Amino acid sequence: MVIIKMKAAKLWANRIISGILFISLIILTVLVISTKASGGEPQFFGYQLKMVLSGSMEPEFKTGSIIAVKPGGDMTRFQPGDIITFMHERDLIVTHRIEEVIHSGDHVLYRTKGDSNASPDTNPVLSENVLAEYTGFTIPYIGYVANFAQSKEGGALLLIIPGLFMLFHAAATISQGITELEKGKKEQDHSEKQNDMEDPLKST
């Protein structure tokens, strides 16, 4: 009974490991392909995934995280407390919290601040420079993986490594199965020999 339970536990452990490796391979494949296709951050179902490269918004989200933002819509709709992603400079995208909404003629500006920063950002943000709104969804640390995936070597490795793990795991599972079959065959042969020795009619 104990042996049967141990075999069942090993079987379920193998299934779980195989499932995790398979899901990891799918996720990393989608991550690499979507990153390459978008030329930057991956996109899913209208949401953009942005990599957090600084700790200015801790503890809301940490350095190395990936956050989901929703682009589009009326960029003058935001209120104090909302977190927005905006173009800070020509090549710099920032995600900070709105502290104040400023109306200047026909323009709407936002005074923003990182949660962990001591003071607000130097210049207010024009609503025209707002790219998206933070949805509240974040995955810690996986941003490092996405950043690595943007490189040619990183994209290749992220696809190869899970595949190698699955290959080794499959080889180990097959080897274990063969060992158990051989062990079962030896036990069966040993049992048959014992029966032959105990039964004098079979030995003559």
C-alpha atoms as a PDB file:
ATOM      1  CA  MET A   1       0.000   0.000   0.000  1.00  0.00           C
ATOM      2  CA  VAL A   2       2.835   2.396   0.890  1.00  0.00           C
ATOM      3  CA  ILE A   3       4.650   1.596  -2.382  1.00  0.00           C
ATOM      4  CA  ILE A   4       1.477   2.285  -4.392  1.00  0.00           C
ATOM      5  CA  LYS A   5       1.040   5.655  -2.657  1.00  0.00           C
ATOM      6  CA  MET A   6       4.670   6.558  -3.335  1.00  0.00           C
ATOM      7  CA  LYS A   7       4.290   5.669  -7.018  1.00  0.00           C
ATOM      8  CA  ALA A   8       1.108   7.737  -7.241  1.00  0.00           C
ATOM      9  CA  ALA A   9       2.867  10.686  -5.573  1.00  0.00           C
ATOM     10  CA  LYS A  10       5.790  10.422  -8.031  1.00  0.00           C
ATOM     11  CA  LEU A  11       3.358  10.283 -10.947  1.00  0.00           C
ATOM     12  CA  TRP A  12       1.564  13.435  -9.800  1.00  0.00           C
ATOM     13  CA  ALA A  13       4.884  15.191  -9.130  1.00  0.00           C
ATOM     14  CA  ASN A  14       6.022  14.382 -12.679  1.00  0.00           C
ATOM     15  CA  ARG A  15       2.752  15.670 -14.090  1.00  0.00           C
ATOM     16  CA  ILE A  16       2.993  18.908 -12.099  1.00  0.00           C
ATOM     17  CA  ILE A  17       6.619  19.517 -13.128  1.00  0.00           C
ATOM     18  CA  SER A  18       5.789  18.782 -16.776  1.00  0.00           C
ATOM     19  CA  GLY A  19       2.813  21.153 -16.598  1.00  0.00           C
ATOM     20  CA  ILE A  20       4.881  23.945 -15.054  1.00  0.00           C
ATOM     21  CA  LEU A  21       7.621  23.561 -17.660  1.00  0.00           C
ATOM     22  CA  PHE A  22       5.086  23.492 -20.487  1.00  0.00           C
ATOM     23  CA  ILE A  23       3.260  26.594 -19.232  1.00  0.00           C
ATOM     24  CA  SER A  24       6.583  28.386 -18.686  1.00  0.00           C
ATOM     25  CA  LEU A  25       7.599  27.599 -22.249  1.00  0.00           C
ATOM     26  CA  ILE A  26       4.316  28.965 -23.597  1.00  0.00           C
ATOM     27  CA  ILE A  27       4.532  32.148 -21.504  1.00  0.00           C
ATOM     28  CA  LEU A  28       8.135  32.810 -22.470  1.00  0.00           C
ATOM     29  CA  THR A  29       7.382  32.107 -26.133  1.00  0.00           C
ATOM     30  CA  VAL A  30       4.490  34.587 -26.114  1.00  0.00           C
ATOM     31  CA  LEU A  31       6.617  37.085 -24.190  1.00  0.00           C
ATOM     32  CA  VAL A  32       9.496  36.898 -26.660  1.00  0.00           C
ATOM     33  CA  ILE A  33       7.288  36.981 -29.767  1.00  0.00           C
ATOM     34  CA  SER A  34       5.120  39.856 -28.546  1.00  0.00           C
ATOM     35  CA  THR A  35       8.179  41.814 -27.430  1.00  0.00           C
ATOM     36  CA  LYS A  36       9.810  41.417 -30.833  1.00  0.00           C
ATOM     37  CA  ALA A  37       6.577  42.176 -32.696  1.00  0.00           C
ATOM     38  CA  SER A  38       5.895  45.384 -30.775  1.00  0.00           C
ATOM     39  CA  GLY A  39       9.510  46.509 -30.903  1.00  0.00           C
ATOM     40  CA  GLY A  40       9.468  47.025 -27.141  1.00  0.00           C
ATOM     41  CA  GLU A  41       7.012  46.106 -24.394  1.00  0.00           C
ATOM     42  CA  PRO A  42       4.636  43.176 -25.015  1.00  0.00           C
ATOM     43  CA  GLN A  43       0.927  43.814 -25.639  1.00  0.00           C
ATOM     44  CA  PHE A  44      -2.056  41.634 -24.704  1.00  0.00           C
ATOM     45  CA  PHE A  45      -5.721  42.243 -25.511  1.00  0.00           C
ATOM     46  CA  GLY A  46      -5.345  46.005 -25.736  1.00  0.00           C
ATOM     47  CA  TYR A  47      -3.146  46.297 -22.650  1.00  0.00           C
ATOM     48  CA  GLN A  48       0.520  47.190 -22.773  1.00  0.00           C
ATOM     49  CA  LEU A  49       3.084  45.660 -20.439  1.00  0.00           C
ATOM     50  CA  LYS A  50       5.673  48.159 -19.260  1.00  0.00           C
ATOM     51  CA  MET A  51       8.930  47.368 -17.527  1.00  0.00           C
ATOM     52  CA  VAL A  52       9.672  49.246 -14.304  1.00  0.00           C
ATOM     53  CA  LEU A  53      13.251  50.459 -14.456  1.00  0.00           C
ATOM     54  CA  SER A  54      13.369  52.566 -11.278  1.00  0.00           C
ATOM     55  CA  GLY A  55      12.059  52.493  -7.723  1.00  0.00           C
ATOM     56  CA  SER A  56      10.272  55.847  -7.845  1.00  0.00           C
ATOM     57  CA  MET A  57       6.842  54.215  -7.378  1.00  0.00           C
ATOM     58  CA  GLU A  58       7.688  51.811  -4.576  1.00  0.00           C
ATOM     59  CA  PRO A  59       5.914  50.250  -2.786  1.00  0.00           C
ATOM     60  CA  GLU A  60       3.113  50.414  -5.401  1.00  0.00           C
ATOM     61  CA  PHE A  61       5.360  48.482  -7.780  1.00  0.00           C
ATOM     62  CA  LYS A  62       9.026  47.610  -7.488  1.00  0.00           C
ATOM     63  CA  THR A  63      12.026  47.888  -9.785  1.00  0.00           C
ATOM     64  CA  GLY A  64      12.124  44.966 -12.201  1.00  0.00           C
ATOM     65  CA  SER A  65       8.353  44.485 -12.198  1.00  0.00           C
ATOM     66  CA  ILE A  66       6.065  44.439 -15.194  1.00  0.00           C
ATOM     67  CA  ILE A  67       2.917  46.559 -15.008  1.00  0.00           C
ATOM     68  CA  ALA A  68      -0.162  46.556 -17.244  1.00  0.00           C
ATOM     69  CA  VAL A  69      -1.360  49.906 -18.592  1.00  0.00           C
ATOM     70  CA  LYS A  70      -4.397  50.734 -20.709  1.00  0.00           C
ATOM     71  CA  PRO A  71      -3.810  53.173 -23.585  1.00  0.00           C
ATOM     72  CA  GLY A  72      -6.469  55.237 -25.326  1.00  0.00           C
ATOM     73  CA  GLY A  73      -9.491  57.190 -24.223  1.00  0.00           C
ATOM     74  CA  ASP A  74      -9.881  60.788 -23.104  1.00  0.00           C
ATOM     75  CA  MET A  75      -6.546  61.755 -21.591  1.00  0.00           C
ATOM     76  CA  THR A  76      -8.126  64.723 -19.774  1.00  0.00           C
ATOM     77  CA  ARG A  77     -10.269  62.436 -17.600  1.00  0.00           C
ATOM     78  CA  PHE A  78      -7.752  61.698 -14.869  1.00  0.00           C
ATOM     79  CA  GLN A  79      -7.997  62.836 -11.261  1.00  0.00           C
ATOM     80  CA  PRO A  80      -5.549  63.178  -8.339  1.00  0.00           C
ATOM     81  CA  GLY A  81      -4.527  59.713  -7.163  1.00  0.00           C
ATOM     82  CA  ASP A  82      -4.639  58.139 -10.622  1.00  0.00           C
ATOM     83  CA  ILE A  83      -1.410  56.642 -11.927  1.00  0.00           C
ATOM     84  CA  ILE A  84      -0.556  57.506 -15.512  1.00  0.00           C
ATOM     85  CA  THR A  85       2.144  56.594 -18.007  1.00  0.00           C
ATOM     86  CA  PHE A  86       3.427  59.587 -19.940  1.00  0.00           C
ATOM     87  CA  MET A  87       6.213  60.783 -22.200  1.00  0.00           C
ATOM     88  CA  HIS A  88       8.539  62.702 -19.928  1.00  0.00           C
ATOM     89  CA  GLU A  89      11.199  63.433 -22.499  1.00  0.00           C
ATOM     90  CA  ARG A  90      11.775  62.383 -26.084  1.00  0.00           C
ATOM     91  CA  ASP A  91      12.910  58.854 -25.231  1.00  0.00           C
ATOM     92  CA  LEU A  92      11.838  58.582 -21.590  1.00  0.00           C
ATOM     93  CA  ILE A  93       8.515  57.069 -20.513  1.00  0.00           C
ATOM     94  CA  VAL A  94       7.483  57.518 -16.872  1.00  0.00           C
ATOM     95  CA  THR A  95       4.659  56.106 -14.750  1.00  0.00           C
ATOM     96  CA  HIS A  96       3.815  58.347 -11.760  1.00  0.00           C
ATOM     97  CA  ARG A  97       0.832  59.312  -9.663  1.00  0.00           C
ATOM     98  CA  ILE A  98      -1.166  62.488 -10.285  1.00  0.00           C
ATOM     99  CA  GLU A  99      -1.029  64.968  -7.399  1.00  0.00           C
ATOM    100  CA  GLU A 100      -2.835  67.885  -8.987  1.00  0.00           C
ATOM    101  CA  VAL A 101      -4.917  68.635 -12.090  1.00  0.00           C
ATOM    102  CA  ILE A 102      -4.170  72.023 -13.654  1.00  0.00           C
ATOM    103  CA  HIS A 103      -6.483  73.736 -16.150  1.00  0.00           C
ATOM    104  CA  SER A 104      -4.737  76.287 -18.348  1.00  0.00           C
ATOM    105  CA  GLY A 105      -6.967  77.679 -21.086  1.00  0.00           C
ATOM    106  CA  ASP A 106      -7.867  74.797 -23.386  1.00  0.00           C
ATOM    107  CA  HIS A 107      -5.148  72.592 -21.941  1.00  0.00           C
ATOM    108  CA  VAL A 108      -5.199  70.130 -19.053  1.00  0.00           C
ATOM    109  CA  LEU A 109      -1.937  69.449 -17.232  1.00  0.00           C
ATOM    110  CA  TYR A 110      -1.071  67.020 -14.474  1.00  0.00           C
ATOM    111  CA  ARG A 111       1.385  67.575 -11.676  1.00  0.00           C
ATOM    112  CA  THR A 112       2.861  64.136 -10.992  1.00  0.00           C
ATOM    113  CA  LYS A 113       5.073  62.541  -8.377  1.00  0.00           C
ATOM    114  CA  GLY A 114       6.654  59.175  -7.738  1.00  0.00           C
ATOM    115  CA  ASP A 115       5.346  57.692  -4.485  1.00  0.00           C
ATOM    116  CA  SER A 116       8.845  57.259  -3.086  1.00  0.00           C
ATOM    117  CA  ASN A 117      10.170  60.599  -4.353  1.00  0.00           C
ATOM    118  CA  ALA A 118      10.533  63.479  -1.908  1.00  0.00           C
ATOM    119  CA  SER A 119       9.160  66.113  -4.302  1.00  0.00           C
ATOM    120  CA  PRO A 120       6.875  66.290  -7.366  1.00  0.00           C
ATOM    121  CA  ASP A 121       8.215  66.061 -10.892  1.00  0.00           C
ATOM    122  CA  THR A 122       9.735  69.308 -12.140  1.00  0.00           C
ATOM    123  CA  ASN A 123       7.369  69.948 -15.061  1.00  0.00           C
ATOM    124  CA  PRO A 124       3.604  69.322 -15.263  1.00  0.00           C
ATOM    125  CA  VAL A 125       2.503  66.783 -17.864  1.00  0.00           C
ATOM    126  CA  LEU A 126       0.344  67.872 -20.798  1.00  0.00           C
ATOM    127  CA  SER A 127      -2.657  65.596 -21.292  1.00  0.00           C
ATOM    128  CA  GLU A 128      -1.456  65.200 -24.897  1.00  0.00           C
ATOM    129  CA  ASN A 129       1.686  63.504 -23.548  1.00  0.00           C
ATOM    130  CA  VAL A 130      -0.224  60.929 -21.504  1.00  0.00           C
ATOM    131  CA  LEU A 131       0.102  57.472 -23.059  1.00  0.00           C
ATOM    132  CA  ALA A 132      -1.901  55.204 -20.774  1.00  0.00           C
ATOM    133  CA  GLU A 133      -3.393  54.578 -17.344  1.00  0.00           C
ATOM    134  CA  TYR A 134      -2.001  52.069 -14.847  1.00  0.00           C
ATOM    135  CA  THR A 135      -4.532  49.275 -14.257  1.00  0.00           C
ATOM    136  CA  GLY A 136      -3.254  48.050 -10.888  1.00  0.00           C
ATOM    137  CA  PHE A 137      -1.879  44.795 -12.330  1.00  0.00           C
ATOM    138  CA  THR A 138       1.781  44.081 -11.648  1.00  0.00           C
ATOM    139  CA  ILE A 139       4.111  41.059 -11.702  1.00  0.00           C
ATOM    140  CA  PRO A 140       7.289  41.486  -9.611  1.00  0.00           C
ATOM    141  CA  TYR A 141      10.745  40.858 -11.099  1.00  0.00           C
ATOM    142  CA  ILE A 142       9.625  39.462 -14.458  1.00  0.00           C
ATOM    143  CA  GLY A 143      10.533  42.796 -16.026  1.00  0.00           C
ATOM    144  CA  TYR A 144      14.163  41.712 -15.874  1.00  0.00           C
ATOM    145  CA  VAL A 145      13.224  38.715 -18.036  1.00  0.00           C
ATOM    146  CA  ALA A 146      11.316  40.894 -20.522  1.00  0.00           C
ATOM    147  CA  ASN A 147      14.211  43.325 -20.717  1.00  0.00           C
ATOM    148  CA  PHE A 148      16.597  40.444 -21.378  1.00  0.00           C
ATOM    149  CA  ALA A 149      14.189  39.084 -24.001  1.00  0.00           C
ATOM    150  CA  GLN A 150      14.629  42.212 -26.094  1.00  0.00           C
ATOM    151  CA  SER A 151      18.195  41.231 -26.894  1.00  0.00           C
ATOM    152  CA  LYS A 152      18.905  38.737 -29.663  1.00  0.00           C
ATOM    153  CA  GLU A 153      20.743  36.371 -27.329  1.00  0.00           C
ATOM    154  CA  GLY A 154      18.137  36.735 -24.599  1.00  0.00           C
ATOM    155  CA  GLY A 155      15.239  35.914 -26.906  1.00  0.00           C
ATOM    156  CA  ALA A 156      16.982  32.762 -28.086  1.00  0.00           C
ATOM    157  CA  LEU A 157      17.955  31.626 -24.597  1.00  0.00           C
ATOM    158  CA  LEU A 158      14.486  32.178 -23.146  1.00  0.00           C
ATOM    159  CA  LEU A 159      13.088  29.822 -25.752  1.00  0.00           C
ATOM    160  CA  ILE A 160      15.882  27.237 -25.563  1.00  0.00           C
ATOM    161  CA  ILE A 161      16.247  26.909 -21.776  1.00  0.00           C
ATOM    162  CA  PRO A 162      12.661  25.778 -20.980  1.00  0.00           C
ATOM    163  CA  GLY A 163      12.827  23.419 -23.950  1.00  0.00           C
ATOM    164  CA  LEU A 164      16.020  21.867 -22.588  1.00  0.00           C
ATOM    165  CA  PHE A 165      14.440  21.502 -19.151  1.00  0.00           C
ATOM    166  CA  MET A 166      11.468  19.719 -20.731  1.00  0.00           C
ATOM    167  CA  LEU A 167      13.819  17.490 -22.731  1.00  0.00           C
ATOM    168  CA  PHE A 168      15.865  16.518 -19.657  1.00  0.00           C
ATOM    169  CA  HIS A 169      12.713  15.977 -17.621  1.00  0.00           C
ATOM    170  CA  ALA A 170      11.251  13.749 -20.345  1.00  0.00           C
ATOM    171  CA  ALA A 171      14.517  11.784 -20.549  1.00  0.00           C
ATOM    172  CA  ALA A 172      14.567  11.336 -16.760  1.00  0.00           C
ATOM    173  CA  THR A 173      10.919  10.209 -16.770  1.00  0.00           C
ATOM    174  CA  ILE A 174      11.571   7.676 -19.544  1.00  0.00           C
ATOM    175  CA  SER A 175      14.687   6.400 -17.759  1.00  0.00           C
ATOM    176  CA  GLN A 176      12.737   6.033 -14.528  1.00  0.00           C
ATOM    177  CA  GLY A 177       9.977   4.151 -16.353  1.00  0.00           C
ATOM    178  CA  ILE A 178      12.477   1.748 -17.960  1.00  0.00           C
ATOM    179  CA  THR A 179      14.133   1.139 -14.573  1.00  0.00           C
ATOM    180  CA  GLU A 180      10.774   0.345 -12.969  1.00  0.00           C
ATOM    181  CA  LEU A 181       9.867  -2.013 -15.833  1.00  0.00           C
ATOM    182  CA  GLU A 182      13.186  -3.865 -15.514  1.00  0.00           C
ATOM    183  CA  LYS A 183      12.760  -4.023 -11.750  1.00  0.00           C
ATOM    184  CA  GLY A 184       9.253  -5.411 -12.158  1.00  0.00           C
ATOM    185  CA  LYS A 185      10.471  -7.990 -14.686  1.00  0.00           C
ATOM    186  CA  LYS A 186      13.271  -9.124 -12.347  1.00  0.00           C
ATOM    187  CA  GLU A 187      10.829  -9.438  -9.449  1.00  0.00           C
ATOM    188  CA  GLN A 188       8.477 -11.444 -11.675  1.00  0.00           C
ATOM    189  CA  ASP A 189      11.303 -13.774 -12.820  1.00  0.00           C
ATOM    190  CA  HIS A 190      12.462 -14.203  -9.225  1.00  0.00           C
ATOM    191  CA  SER A 191       8.912 -15.001  -8.130  1.00  0.00           C
ATOM    192  CA  GLU A 192       8.515 -17.579 -10.913  1.00  0.00           C
ATOM    193  CA  LYS A 193      11.812 -19.250  -9.961  1.00  0.00           C
ATOM    194  CA  GLN A 194      10.721 -19.466  -6.331  1.00  0.00           C
ATOM    195  CA  ASN A 195       7.423 -21.018  -7.384  1.00  0.00           C
ATOM    196  CA  ASP A 196       9.278 -23.571  -9.531  1.00  0.00           C
ATOM    197  CA  MET A 197      11.521 -24.493  -6.608  1.00  0.00           C
ATOM    198  CA  GLU A 198       8.574 -24.840  -4.224  1.00  0.00           C
ATOM    199  CA  ASP A 199       6.538 -26.931  -6.681  1.00  0.00           C
ATOM    200  CA  PRO A 200       8.356 -30.271  -7.239  1.00  0.00           C
ATOM    201  CA  LEU A 201       5.962 -31.245 -10.056  1.00  0.00           C
ATOM    202  CA  LYS A 202       7.127 -28.256 -12.128  1.00  0.00           C
ATOM    203  CA  SER A 203      10.798 -29.030 -11.556  1.00  0.00           C
ATOM    204  CA  THR A 204      10.583 -32.619 -12.908  1.00  0.00           C
END
